[in-house]
Protein backbone atom coordinates (compact mmCIF):
# COMPACT_ATOMS: atom_id res chain seq x y z
CA MET A 1 -13.59 -24.88 -21.12
CA LYS A 2 -10.23 -25.73 -19.56
CA LEU A 3 -7.52 -26.12 -22.17
CA ARG A 4 -5.39 -29.24 -22.03
CA LEU A 5 -1.65 -29.18 -21.46
CA VAL A 6 0.25 -30.81 -24.29
CA ARG A 7 3.79 -31.89 -23.37
CA ARG A 8 6.30 -33.17 -25.87
CA VAL A 9 9.01 -35.56 -24.75
CA VAL A 10 12.29 -34.87 -26.52
CA PRO A 11 15.87 -36.07 -26.11
CA TRP A 12 18.02 -34.03 -23.71
CA VAL A 13 20.19 -32.44 -26.40
CA ALA A 14 17.24 -31.51 -28.58
CA ALA A 15 15.41 -30.00 -25.63
CA VAL A 16 18.36 -27.83 -24.64
CA ALA A 17 18.75 -26.69 -28.22
CA ALA A 18 15.10 -25.74 -28.54
CA LEU A 19 15.17 -23.74 -25.33
CA THR A 20 17.69 -21.29 -26.76
CA ALA A 21 18.07 -22.19 -30.43
CA VAL A 22 18.21 -19.63 -33.21
CA PRO A 23 19.25 -19.66 -36.83
CA THR A 24 22.94 -19.84 -37.68
CA ALA A 25 24.69 -16.49 -37.45
CA SER A 26 24.67 -14.50 -40.65
CA ALA A 27 27.80 -14.01 -42.71
CA THR A 28 27.55 -10.22 -42.57
CA PRO A 29 31.10 -8.80 -42.42
CA SER A 30 32.22 -7.27 -39.12
CA GLY A 31 32.23 -3.52 -38.84
CA SER A 32 31.17 -0.57 -36.72
CA ALA A 33 27.39 -0.27 -36.47
CA LYS A 34 25.89 3.18 -36.93
CA PRO A 35 22.91 4.31 -34.83
CA GLY A 36 19.69 3.48 -36.66
CA ARG A 37 21.55 2.48 -39.84
CA HIS A 38 22.50 -1.12 -39.16
CA GLN A 39 20.82 -4.30 -40.34
CA HIS A 40 17.62 -5.66 -38.85
CA PHE A 41 18.47 -8.28 -36.24
CA ALA A 42 14.97 -9.46 -35.33
CA VAL A 43 13.71 -12.83 -36.57
CA GLY A 44 10.09 -12.92 -35.36
CA PRO A 45 8.03 -12.35 -32.19
CA GLN A 46 7.40 -16.08 -31.70
CA TYR A 47 11.14 -16.49 -31.10
CA ASP A 48 11.38 -13.62 -28.59
CA THR A 49 10.62 -15.02 -25.17
CA THR A 50 9.58 -13.53 -21.87
CA HIS A 51 12.05 -14.74 -19.23
CA VAL A 52 10.10 -16.14 -16.28
CA TYR A 53 12.03 -16.87 -13.07
CA VAL A 54 9.79 -18.88 -10.76
CA ALA A 55 10.23 -19.66 -7.07
CA PRO A 56 12.34 -22.79 -6.53
CA GLY A 57 10.38 -25.99 -7.00
CA THR A 58 7.36 -24.38 -8.70
CA GLU A 59 8.18 -24.88 -12.39
CA GLN A 60 5.63 -27.67 -12.93
CA ALA A 61 2.86 -25.77 -11.14
CA PHE A 62 3.54 -22.65 -13.19
CA VAL A 63 3.64 -24.45 -16.52
CA ALA A 64 0.44 -26.39 -15.78
CA SER A 65 -1.37 -23.20 -14.73
CA TRP A 66 -0.17 -21.21 -17.75
CA THR A 67 -1.06 -23.83 -20.34
CA SER A 68 -4.43 -24.52 -18.68
CA THR A 69 -5.17 -20.80 -18.97
CA PHE A 70 -3.86 -20.06 -22.46
CA GLY A 71 -3.11 -23.41 -24.10
CA GLY A 72 0.18 -24.23 -25.76
CA THR A 73 2.93 -26.84 -25.91
CA THR A 74 6.06 -27.26 -23.84
CA ILE A 75 9.61 -28.45 -24.32
CA GLY A 76 11.49 -29.61 -21.24
CA PRO A 77 12.13 -29.28 -18.41
CA VAL A 78 15.87 -29.71 -18.85
CA SER A 79 18.50 -29.34 -16.13
CA THR A 80 21.22 -27.15 -17.61
CA GLN A 81 23.57 -24.18 -17.17
CA VAL A 82 22.55 -21.04 -19.05
CA THR A 83 24.88 -18.49 -17.39
CA PRO A 84 28.63 -17.84 -17.74
CA ALA A 85 29.14 -18.39 -13.99
CA PRO A 86 28.46 -21.82 -12.52
CA SER A 87 24.74 -22.38 -11.88
CA ARG A 88 21.99 -24.89 -12.48
CA THR A 89 18.39 -24.42 -13.51
CA LEU A 90 15.45 -26.44 -14.72
CA SER A 91 14.55 -24.73 -18.00
CA GLU A 92 11.32 -25.16 -19.92
CA LEU A 93 10.03 -23.52 -23.07
CA ILE A 94 6.33 -22.73 -23.48
CA VAL A 95 5.03 -21.96 -26.97
CA SER A 96 1.51 -20.60 -26.43
CA PRO A 97 -1.05 -18.71 -28.52
CA VAL A 98 -0.27 -15.53 -26.57
CA GLY A 99 3.52 -15.73 -26.75
CA THR A 100 6.63 -17.76 -25.98
CA LEU A 101 8.06 -18.05 -22.46
CA SER A 102 11.42 -19.30 -21.20
CA VAL A 103 10.87 -20.61 -17.68
CA PHE A 104 13.74 -20.91 -15.20
CA ASP A 105 13.53 -22.78 -11.89
CA TYR A 106 16.99 -22.47 -10.36
CA THR A 107 18.34 -25.21 -8.13
CA THR A 108 21.36 -23.02 -7.26
CA PRO A 109 21.61 -19.29 -6.51
CA VAL A 110 21.04 -17.16 -9.62
CA PRO A 111 24.29 -15.40 -10.70
CA TYR A 112 23.90 -11.62 -11.04
CA PRO A 113 22.69 -9.95 -13.23
CA PHE A 114 20.58 -12.83 -14.50
CA GLY A 115 16.97 -12.53 -13.47
CA THR A 116 16.98 -8.82 -14.35
CA GLU A 117 16.58 -9.42 -18.10
CA ARG A 118 12.97 -9.15 -19.16
CA THR A 119 13.18 -10.90 -22.50
CA GLY A 120 15.33 -13.12 -24.67
CA TRP A 121 15.64 -11.85 -28.22
CA LEU A 122 16.67 -14.13 -31.04
CA VAL A 123 19.04 -12.21 -33.33
CA THR A 124 20.46 -13.04 -36.72
CA ASP A 125 24.05 -12.21 -35.72
CA LEU A 126 25.13 -11.89 -32.07
CA ASP A 127 28.40 -10.04 -32.58
CA GLN A 128 26.87 -7.52 -34.96
CA ALA A 129 23.89 -7.05 -32.62
CA VAL A 130 26.14 -6.37 -29.61
CA ARG A 131 28.14 -3.81 -31.60
CA ALA A 132 24.94 -2.17 -32.80
CA ALA A 133 23.47 -2.04 -29.29
CA ARG A 134 26.57 -0.24 -28.03
CA ALA A 135 26.50 2.18 -30.96
CA ASP A 136 22.83 2.85 -30.27
CA GLY A 137 23.45 3.82 -26.65
CA ALA A 138 22.89 0.54 -24.80
CA ALA A 139 25.36 -0.93 -22.31
CA VAL A 140 26.57 -4.51 -22.62
CA THR A 141 26.05 -5.74 -19.04
CA VAL A 142 27.00 -9.36 -19.83
CA ALA A 143 29.59 -9.73 -22.57
CA PRO A 144 29.07 -12.54 -25.08
CA PHE A 145 29.55 -15.96 -23.54
CA THR A 146 29.26 -19.55 -24.63
CA ASP A 147 26.46 -21.80 -23.42
CA PRO A 148 26.18 -25.55 -24.17
CA ILE A 149 24.94 -24.93 -27.71
CA GLY A 150 25.70 -21.34 -28.66
CA ARG A 151 26.39 -17.81 -27.46
CA ASP A 152 24.49 -15.12 -25.55
CA ALA A 153 24.86 -11.56 -24.22
CA VAL A 154 22.78 -9.16 -22.13
CA VAL A 155 22.33 -5.48 -23.02
CA GLN A 156 20.79 -2.65 -21.04
CA PHE A 157 18.97 0.25 -22.66
CA PRO A 158 18.77 3.65 -20.94
CA GLY A 159 16.31 3.51 -18.08
CA GLY A 160 17.60 0.14 -16.90
CA VAL A 161 15.76 -2.05 -19.44
CA ASN A 162 17.63 -5.35 -19.87
CA ALA A 163 17.29 -7.78 -22.77
CA GLN A 164 19.20 -10.97 -23.52
CA LEU A 165 20.43 -11.50 -27.08
CA TYR A 166 21.26 -14.97 -28.30
CA VAL A 167 22.10 -17.02 -31.36
CA HIS A 168 22.58 -20.76 -31.76
CA THR A 169 23.10 -23.17 -34.57
CA THR A 170 19.88 -25.19 -34.47
CA ALA A 171 17.03 -23.24 -36.04
CA PRO A 172 13.65 -23.59 -34.28
CA SER A 173 10.29 -23.47 -36.02
CA TYR A 174 7.43 -22.14 -33.90
CA PRO A 175 4.01 -20.94 -35.09
CA ALA A 176 3.28 -17.23 -34.99
CA PRO A 177 1.25 -16.35 -31.87
CA ALA A 178 -2.45 -15.56 -32.17
CA SER A 179 -1.64 -12.25 -30.45
CA VAL A 180 1.78 -10.63 -30.10
CA PRO A 181 2.65 -10.04 -26.43
CA GLU A 182 3.60 -6.58 -25.17
CA ASN A 183 6.86 -5.83 -23.40
CA ARG A 184 5.51 -3.52 -20.65
CA LEU A 185 7.89 -0.87 -19.33
CA TYR A 186 7.52 1.77 -16.61
CA LEU A 187 9.96 4.66 -16.98
CA PRO A 188 10.40 8.10 -15.41
CA PRO A 189 10.28 11.26 -17.55
CA ASP A 190 14.02 11.75 -16.94
CA SER A 191 15.04 8.65 -18.91
CA VAL A 192 12.27 8.06 -21.45
CA GLY A 193 13.84 10.25 -24.15
CA ALA A 194 17.20 8.49 -24.04
CA PHE A 195 15.45 5.13 -23.88
CA LEU A 196 13.37 5.83 -26.99
CA ASP A 197 16.38 7.04 -28.97
CA SER A 198 18.39 3.92 -28.11
CA TYR A 199 15.61 1.32 -28.22
CA LEU A 200 14.08 2.48 -31.50
CA ALA A 201 17.49 2.72 -33.17
CA PHE A 202 18.47 -0.80 -32.16
CA THR A 203 15.11 -2.48 -32.82
CA GLN A 204 14.53 -0.45 -36.01
CA GLY A 205 11.12 0.23 -34.50
CA ARG A 206 8.59 3.05 -34.70
CA VAL A 207 6.15 4.86 -32.44
CA VAL A 208 2.57 3.66 -33.00
CA SER A 209 0.99 6.17 -30.61
CA ASP A 210 1.99 8.64 -27.90
CA ASP A 211 -0.89 9.57 -25.60
CA ARG A 212 0.13 12.16 -23.02
CA ARG A 213 -3.23 11.98 -21.27
CA ALA A 214 -3.89 8.24 -21.02
CA ASP A 215 -6.46 7.12 -18.45
CA GLY A 216 -4.67 6.34 -15.18
CA ALA A 217 -7.29 3.74 -14.29
CA ALA A 218 -5.35 1.31 -16.49
CA ILE A 219 -2.44 1.41 -14.01
CA GLY A 220 -4.46 1.58 -10.80
CA LEU A 221 -4.73 5.39 -10.66
CA PRO A 222 -8.33 6.33 -11.61
CA GLY A 223 -8.95 10.04 -11.97
CA THR A 224 -5.39 10.71 -13.15
CA THR A 225 -3.57 10.73 -16.47
CA TYR A 226 -0.15 9.54 -17.59
CA ARG A 227 1.88 9.29 -20.79
CA LEU A 228 1.45 6.01 -22.66
CA ILE A 229 3.69 5.23 -25.64
CA ARG A 230 3.13 2.22 -27.89
CA LEU A 231 6.01 0.95 -30.04
CA THR A 232 6.38 -1.81 -32.60
CA SER A 233 9.35 -3.50 -34.24
CA GLY A 234 10.48 -6.87 -35.49
CA PHE A 235 10.95 -7.81 -31.81
CA GLY A 236 7.23 -7.34 -31.18
CA ALA A 237 5.13 -4.78 -29.31
CA THR A 238 6.29 -2.54 -26.46
CA THR A 239 4.27 -0.24 -24.22
CA VAL A 240 5.95 2.45 -22.14
CA ALA A 241 4.16 3.99 -19.16
CA VAL A 242 5.85 7.26 -18.22
CA THR A 243 5.04 7.95 -14.57
CA ASP A 244 6.28 9.61 -11.38
CA GLY A 245 6.73 6.18 -9.81
CA HIS A 246 3.77 6.57 -7.42
CA LEU A 247 2.32 3.24 -8.52
CA PRO A 248 -0.03 1.08 -6.46
CA HIS A 249 0.69 -2.63 -6.19
CA PRO A 250 0.95 -4.66 -8.45
CA PHE A 251 1.64 -2.24 -11.31
CA GLY A 252 5.22 -2.25 -12.48
CA LEU A 253 5.67 -5.89 -11.49
CA GLU A 254 4.15 -7.16 -14.73
CA THR A 255 6.80 -7.43 -17.46
CA THR A 256 4.53 -8.58 -20.28
CA GLY A 257 0.95 -8.03 -21.41
CA TYR A 258 -1.03 -10.74 -23.18
CA GLY A 259 -3.99 -10.19 -25.51
CA VAL A 260 -6.94 -12.59 -25.38
CA PRO A 261 -10.33 -12.58 -27.14
CA ASP A 262 -12.37 -12.91 -23.92
CA LEU A 263 -10.86 -11.53 -20.73
CA GLY A 264 -13.60 -12.83 -18.42
CA ALA A 265 -13.31 -16.42 -19.64
CA THR A 266 -9.50 -16.26 -19.47
CA LEU A 267 -9.56 -15.03 -15.88
CA GLU A 268 -11.93 -17.83 -14.89
CA ARG A 269 -9.56 -20.41 -16.39
CA ALA A 270 -6.62 -18.75 -14.66
CA LYS A 271 -8.29 -18.83 -11.25
CA ALA A 272 -9.34 -22.46 -11.74
CA ALA A 273 -5.68 -23.23 -12.54
CA GLY A 274 -4.33 -21.70 -9.32
CA ALA A 275 -3.65 -18.11 -10.42
CA THR A 276 -4.71 -15.02 -8.47
CA VAL A 277 -6.24 -11.86 -9.95
CA LEU A 278 -4.34 -9.02 -8.26
CA SER A 279 -6.11 -6.11 -9.97
CA GLY A 280 -9.07 -5.55 -12.25
CA PRO A 281 -10.75 -6.12 -14.53
CA VAL A 282 -10.88 -2.45 -15.46
CA ARG A 283 -11.90 -0.66 -18.66
CA ALA A 284 -9.66 2.20 -19.81
CA GLY A 285 -8.35 3.51 -23.10
CA GLY A 286 -10.35 1.10 -25.27
CA ARG A 287 -9.05 -1.91 -23.36
CA GLU A 288 -10.32 -4.19 -20.60
CA SER A 289 -7.43 -5.48 -18.51
CA ALA A 290 -6.40 -7.26 -15.33
CA VAL A 291 -3.17 -8.19 -13.57
CA VAL A 292 -2.70 -11.85 -12.64
CA ARG A 293 -0.13 -13.71 -10.53
CA PHE A 294 0.55 -17.31 -11.54
CA PRO A 295 1.96 -20.08 -9.32
CA GLY A 296 5.66 -19.49 -8.84
CA GLY A 297 5.19 -15.72 -8.59
CA TYR A 298 5.07 -14.63 -12.25
CA VAL A 299 2.91 -11.50 -12.67
CA ALA A 300 1.31 -10.73 -16.05
CA GLU A 301 -1.13 -8.23 -17.52
CA VAL A 302 -3.96 -9.78 -19.53
CA HIS A 303 -6.22 -7.70 -21.76
CA THR A 304 -8.90 -7.58 -24.41
CA ASP A 305 -9.01 -4.61 -26.78
CA ARG A 306 -12.46 -3.17 -27.37
């Protein structure tokens, strides 16, 4: 059955705040962070959003397709500036059972390096988090800057994995998702070690599993194997595919994986809502999965664990 889109109408200021709001920064004293020994900065996976940059003019089509497929509520769209350089975007927040998305439909060119960050991570203290990221081996690619209601920064972990950190003064309250989405990364063997050291230190995460002979059918390479690492932390779940980069389309384009109870029914809703199944379904490694492109160009992995 097609799920109904529920849209909340909110005042402009409240909508902007909800799109990027986080709890007030903690009063932890300033100091040099030590790798793996600093405070936990994560707040909860429902506040860590996938950043979705859609083709100009397609925000409404994307949001309608997504919520028809997965359900959820929306806040926005709001025309605002969310970068330190002059720009303008329609921004909309989707809070869905499979995860939270920040949707950006730019009406101006997108200032570099925005659009390369995969996720937005709510942190308890921006300045402390930036110091800790540096100490843990990440680069600060966008130094802290002020937006209309708070402050943000972008960090890059070894291997070129970008994440936006942010903190604002209005605390949101979103329900926990029915399933925690996966940040899906594809890395070469040359950088995975440095990435794991840095990423796990900053997120205070742990390795759930490390399968060096995972079934390649899951990434479009049946009859082969690859290394699949699953991580967890207060920022949610992360999967790392370690490959030689010989990936068939569309693998590597999907930034996030979403768990659903019935993959077949979800794909039927997605297709009815204008999405295209690019690959699958395929069964591999105890999971049935597919890769889907939604209106506006966003590519996602969708799966059911068996």
